[in-house]
C-alpha atoms as a PDB file:
ATOM      1  CA  MET A   1      23.475   4.329  -9.029  1.00  0.00           C
ATOM      2  CA  SER A   2      21.837   7.670  -8.269  1.00  0.00           C
ATOM      3  CA  THR A   3      20.883   8.503  -4.693  1.00  0.00           C
ATOM      4  CA  ASN A   4      18.589  11.375  -5.677  1.00  0.00           C
ATOM      5  CA  GLY A   5      15.469   9.166  -5.822  1.00  0.00           C
ATOM      6  CA  LEU A   6      12.778   8.492  -3.282  1.00  0.00           C
ATOM      7  CA  ASN A   7      14.027   6.841  -0.094  1.00  0.00           C
ATOM      8  CA  LEU A   8      12.309   3.442   0.093  1.00  0.00           C
ATOM      9  CA  ALA A   9      13.766   2.361   3.445  1.00  0.00           C
ATOM     10  CA  GLY A  10      10.652   3.036   5.512  1.00  0.00           C
ATOM     11  CA  PHE A  11       8.122   1.514   3.114  1.00  0.00           C
ATOM     12  CA  ALA A  12       8.438  -2.015   4.506  1.00  0.00           C
ATOM     13  CA  ARG A  13       7.116  -0.859   7.872  1.00  0.00           C
ATOM     14  CA  ALA A  14       4.811   1.943   6.761  1.00  0.00           C
ATOM     15  CA  GLY A  15       1.655  -0.010   5.943  1.00  0.00           C
ATOM     16  CA  GLN A  16       1.460  -2.141   9.068  1.00  0.00           C
ATOM     17  CA  LYS A  17      -1.513  -1.827  11.388  1.00  0.00           C
ATOM     18  CA  ASN A  18      -1.065   0.619  14.243  1.00  0.00           C
ATOM     19  CA  THR A  19       2.613   1.095  13.505  1.00  0.00           C
ATOM     20  CA  GLU A  20       4.407   2.900  16.308  1.00  0.00           C
ATOM     21  CA  THR A  21       7.553   4.880  15.794  1.00  0.00           C
ATOM     22  CA  ALA A  22      10.498   3.970  17.974  1.00  0.00           C
ATOM     23  CA  PRO A  23      10.304   5.237  21.557  1.00  0.00           C
ATOM     24  CA  ALA A  24      11.980   8.554  22.150  1.00  0.00           C
ATOM     25  CA  SER A  25      14.967   8.677  24.494  1.00  0.00           C
ATOM     26  CA  ASN A  26      12.721  10.043  27.263  1.00  0.00           C
ATOM     27  CA  GLY A  27      10.520   6.914  27.115  1.00  0.00           C
ATOM     28  CA  ALA A  28       7.612   8.482  25.222  1.00  0.00           C
ATOM     29  CA  THR A  29       6.205   6.579  22.268  1.00  0.00           C
ATOM     30  CA  GLY A  30       5.813   8.091  18.829  1.00  0.00           C
ATOM     31  CA  ASN A  31       2.637   8.688  16.859  1.00  0.00           C
ATOM     32  CA  LYS A  32       0.586   5.704  15.743  1.00  0.00           C
ATOM     33  CA  ARG A  33      -0.187   5.424  12.045  1.00  0.00           C
ATOM     34  CA  GLU A  34      -3.412   4.211  10.544  1.00  0.00           C
ATOM     35  CA  GLU A  35      -3.284   1.135   8.372  1.00  0.00           C
ATOM     36  CA  ALA A  36      -2.501   1.986   4.752  1.00  0.00           C
ATOM     37  CA  LYS A  37      -5.519   2.144   2.437  1.00  0.00           C
ATOM     38  CA  ILE A  38      -3.862   2.918  -0.910  1.00  0.00           C
ATOM     39  CA  TRP A  39      -1.244   0.577  -2.332  1.00  0.00           C
ATOM     40  CA  LEU A  40       0.962   0.560  -5.428  1.00  0.00           C
ATOM     41  CA  ASN A  41       1.751  -2.993  -6.506  1.00  0.00           C
ATOM     42  CA  PHE A  42       4.280  -4.042  -9.131  1.00  0.00           C
ATOM     43  CA  GLY A  43       3.568  -7.117 -11.203  1.00  0.00           C
ATOM     44  CA  TYR A  44       1.783  -8.400 -14.286  1.00  0.00           C
ATOM     45  CA  PRO A  45      -1.780  -9.230 -15.356  1.00  0.00           C
ATOM     46  CA  LYS A  46      -2.667 -12.904 -15.875  1.00  0.00           C
ATOM     47  CA  MET A  47      -5.811 -14.719 -16.964  1.00  0.00           C
ATOM     48  CA  ILE A  48      -6.870 -17.382 -14.454  1.00  0.00           C
ATOM     49  CA  PRO A  49      -9.049 -20.155 -15.910  1.00  0.00           C
ATOM     50  CA  GLY A  50     -12.514 -20.442 -14.381  1.00  0.00           C
ATOM     51  CA  THR A  51     -13.357 -23.575 -12.429  1.00  0.00           C
ATOM     52  CA  ASP A  52     -16.011 -26.019 -13.638  1.00  0.00           C
ATOM     53  CA  GLY A  53     -16.440 -24.198 -16.945  1.00  0.00           C
ATOM     54  CA  GLY A  54     -16.797 -20.816 -15.251  1.00  0.00           C
ATOM     55  CA  GLU A  55     -15.596 -17.573 -16.721  1.00  0.00           C
ATOM     56  CA  ASP A  56     -11.877 -16.788 -16.855  1.00  0.00           C
ATOM     57  CA  THR A  57     -10.839 -13.860 -14.684  1.00  0.00           C
ATOM     58  CA  GLU A  58      -7.920 -11.483 -14.965  1.00  0.00           C
ATOM     59  CA  THR A  59      -5.839 -11.069 -11.841  1.00  0.00           C
ATOM     60  CA  PHE A  60      -2.777  -8.984 -11.100  1.00  0.00           C
ATOM     61  CA  VAL A  61       0.171 -11.079  -9.930  1.00  0.00           C
ATOM     62  CA  SER A  62       2.290  -8.952  -7.630  1.00  0.00           C
ATOM     63  CA  LEU A  63       4.859  -9.223  -4.896  1.00  0.00           C
ATOM     64  CA  ALA A  64       3.683  -9.940  -1.364  1.00  0.00           C
ATOM     65  CA  ARG A  65       4.224  -6.315  -0.365  1.00  0.00           C
ATOM     66  CA  GLY A  66       3.519  -3.135  -2.302  1.00  0.00           C
ATOM     67  CA  ILE A  67       4.171   0.523  -1.524  1.00  0.00           C
ATOM     68  CA  PRO A  68       1.692   1.998   0.966  1.00  0.00           C
ATOM     69  CA  LEU A  69       1.111   5.166  -1.029  1.00  0.00           C
ATOM     70  CA  ASP A  70      -0.969   7.007   1.553  1.00  0.00           C
ATOM     71  CA  GLN A  71       1.865   6.577   4.080  1.00  0.00           C
ATOM     72  CA  VAL A  72       4.430   8.383   1.901  1.00  0.00           C
ATOM     73  CA  GLU A  73       5.141  11.823   3.293  1.00  0.00           C
ATOM     74  CA  LYS A  74       5.877  14.867   1.197  1.00  0.00           C
ATOM     75  CA  PHE A  75       9.324  16.410   1.354  1.00  0.00           C
ATOM     76  CA  ASP A  76       9.711  19.545   3.465  1.00  0.00           C
ATOM     77  CA  MET A  77      10.691  22.160   0.930  1.00  0.00           C
ATOM     78  CA  THR A  78      12.013  24.551   3.595  1.00  0.00           C
ATOM     79  CA  LYS A  79      14.917  22.161   4.220  1.00  0.00           C
ATOM     80  CA  GLN A  80      16.245  22.285   0.655  1.00  0.00           C
ATOM     81  CA  ASN A  81      19.350  24.433   0.255  1.00  0.00           C
ATOM     82  CA  ARG A  82      20.368  23.553  -3.337  1.00  0.00           C
ATOM     83  CA  SER A  83      18.234  24.499  -6.308  1.00  0.00           C
ATOM     84  CA  THR A  84      18.711  21.139  -8.045  1.00  0.00           C
ATOM     85  CA  MET A  85      17.592  19.225  -4.958  1.00  0.00           C
ATOM     86  CA  ALA A  86      14.716  21.634  -4.375  1.00  0.00           C
ATOM     87  CA  THR A  87      13.568  21.059  -7.966  1.00  0.00           C
ATOM     88  CA  LEU A  88      13.749  17.274  -7.514  1.00  0.00           C
ATOM     89  CA  ARG A  89      11.849  17.369  -4.204  1.00  0.00           C
ATOM     90  CA  ARG A  90       9.196  19.693  -5.692  1.00  0.00           C
ATOM     91  CA  ASP A  91       8.692  17.287  -8.583  1.00  0.00           C
ATOM     92  CA  GLN A  92       8.504  14.304  -6.211  1.00  0.00           C
ATOM     93  CA  ASN A  93       5.826  16.104  -4.174  1.00  0.00           C
ATOM     94  CA  ARG A  94       3.879  16.907  -7.352  1.00  0.00           C
ATOM     95  CA  PHE A  95       4.173  13.258  -8.461  1.00  0.00           C
ATOM     96  CA  LEU A  96       2.782  12.110  -5.097  1.00  0.00           C
ATOM     97  CA  ASP A  97      -0.091  14.619  -5.422  1.00  0.00           C
ATOM     98  CA  MET A  98      -0.895  13.271  -8.890  1.00  0.00           C
ATOM     99  CA  LEU A  99      -0.907   9.652  -7.657  1.00  0.00           C
ATOM    100  CA  MET A 100      -3.102  10.492  -4.661  1.00  0.00           C
ATOM    101  CA  ALA A 101      -5.567  12.374  -6.890  1.00  0.00           C
ATOM    102  CA  GLU A 102      -5.910   9.209  -8.990  1.00  0.00           C
ATOM    103  CA  ALA A 103      -6.241   7.081  -5.840  1.00  0.00           C
ATOM    104  CA  ASP A 104      -9.115   9.282  -4.630  1.00  0.00           C
ATOM    105  CA  LYS A 105     -11.140   8.086  -7.635  1.00  0.00           C
ATOM    106  CA  LEU A 106     -11.008   4.438  -6.484  1.00  0.00           C
ATOM    107  CA  GLN A 107     -13.852   2.931  -4.465  1.00  0.00           C
ATOM    108  CA  PRO A 108     -13.062   0.643  -1.493  1.00  0.00           C
ATOM    109  CA  GLY A 109     -11.834  -2.700  -2.810  1.00  0.00           C
ATOM    110  CA  GLU A 110     -11.269  -1.321  -6.318  1.00  0.00           C
ATOM    111  CA  ALA A 111      -7.994  -1.649  -8.225  1.00  0.00           C
ATOM    112  CA  LYS A 112      -6.768  -0.536 -11.614  1.00  0.00           C
ATOM    113  CA  ILE A 113      -3.606  -0.908 -13.607  1.00  0.00           C
ATOM    114  CA  ILE A 114      -2.181   2.592 -14.024  1.00  0.00           C
ATOM    115  CA  CYS A 115       0.842   1.616 -16.106  1.00  0.00           C
ATOM    116  CA  LEU A 116       1.607  -1.425 -18.263  1.00  0.00           C
ATOM    117  CA  ASP A 117       4.646  -1.949 -20.465  1.00  0.00           C
ATOM    118  CA  GLU A 118       3.520  -3.913 -23.519  1.00  0.00           C
ATOM    119  CA  THR A 119       7.029  -5.216 -24.232  1.00  0.00           C
ATOM    120  CA  THR A 120       7.697  -6.754 -20.799  1.00  0.00           C
ATOM    121  CA  ASN A 121       4.046  -7.089 -19.628  1.00  0.00           C
ATOM    122  CA  LEU A 122       5.112  -5.555 -16.302  1.00  0.00           C
ATOM    123  CA  GLY A 123       2.885  -2.957 -14.737  1.00  0.00           C
ATOM    124  CA  ILE A 124       1.809  -0.960 -11.722  1.00  0.00           C
ATOM    125  CA  GLU A 125      -1.546  -1.548 -10.070  1.00  0.00           C
ATOM    126  CA  MET A 126      -3.142   0.984  -7.741  1.00  0.00           C
ATOM    127  CA  ARG A 127      -5.450  -0.579  -5.164  1.00  0.00           C
ATOM    128  CA  ARG A 128      -7.711   0.868  -2.485  1.00  0.00           C
ATOM    129  CA  ARG A 129      -8.102  -1.533   0.405  1.00  0.00           C
ATOM    130  CA  GLY A 130     -11.645  -2.799   0.858  1.00  0.00           C
ATOM    131  CA  GLU A 131     -13.719  -2.445   3.959  1.00  0.00           C
ATOM    132  CA  GLY A 132     -13.216  -5.164   6.542  1.00  0.00           C
ATOM    133  CA  ALA A 133     -15.749  -7.940   6.710  1.00  0.00           C
ATOM    134  CA  ALA A 134     -18.405  -7.648   9.400  1.00  0.00           C
ATOM    135  CA  PRO A 135     -17.863 -10.047  12.272  1.00  0.00           C
ATOM    136  CA  ILE A 136     -19.979 -13.185  12.222  1.00  0.00           C
ATOM    137  CA  GLU A 137     -22.737 -13.014  14.786  1.00  0.00           C
ATOM    138  CA  GLU A 138     -22.382 -15.776  17.338  1.00  0.00           C
ATOM    139  CA  ALA A 139     -23.420 -16.183  20.932  1.00  0.00           C
ATOM    140  CA  GLU A 140     -20.661 -15.076  23.302  1.00  0.00           C
ATOM    141  CA  ASP A 141     -20.871 -18.367  25.171  1.00  0.00           C
ATOM    142  CA  ALA A 142     -20.677 -20.544  22.047  1.00  0.00           C
ATOM    143  CA  PRO A 143     -18.283 -23.450  22.644  1.00  0.00           C
ATOM    144  CA  LEU A 144     -14.986 -23.465  20.809  1.00  0.00           C
ATOM    145  CA  PRO A 145     -14.590 -26.301  18.270  1.00  0.00           C
ATOM    146  CA  PHE A 146     -11.772 -28.026  20.184  1.00  0.00           C
ATOM    147  CA  ALA A 147     -10.791 -29.237  23.651  1.00  0.00           C
ATOM    148  CA  PHE A 148      -7.473 -29.804  25.369  1.00  0.00           C
ATOM    149  CA  ARG A 149      -6.626 -33.312  26.499  1.00  0.00           C
ATOM    150  CA  SER A 150      -6.430 -33.877  30.223  1.00  0.00           C
END
């Protein structure tokens, strides 16, 4: 297996809200990251039957976690000392630029399948996270819908 590809180790943590890097040895905390807005999801399209005679809808069935694309950092080209590795890193940076340019076209909440293999029906969906729902207006002193037993 080749080790020249993109390092995926940090992706599992990258899209979490307000992710902090590990504290430095002097006790300082690292930079906080914003929540990821652009995701790449791997899966397949599927038609879901409408309820009560409603229209069927196509959905994209994917894993529970995608790749937070806007959290992927470009490679620092000044650290490359071999021409083959520099070429690979340059191409990876260009690939990321191309994906982000496509992501910039998506509106909040919009998704599109950017790649679909017709033989396996597996594909890649790019999704821009939607805006959060507005909080429901309620009086601050409204009672909670439960009570503890005495």
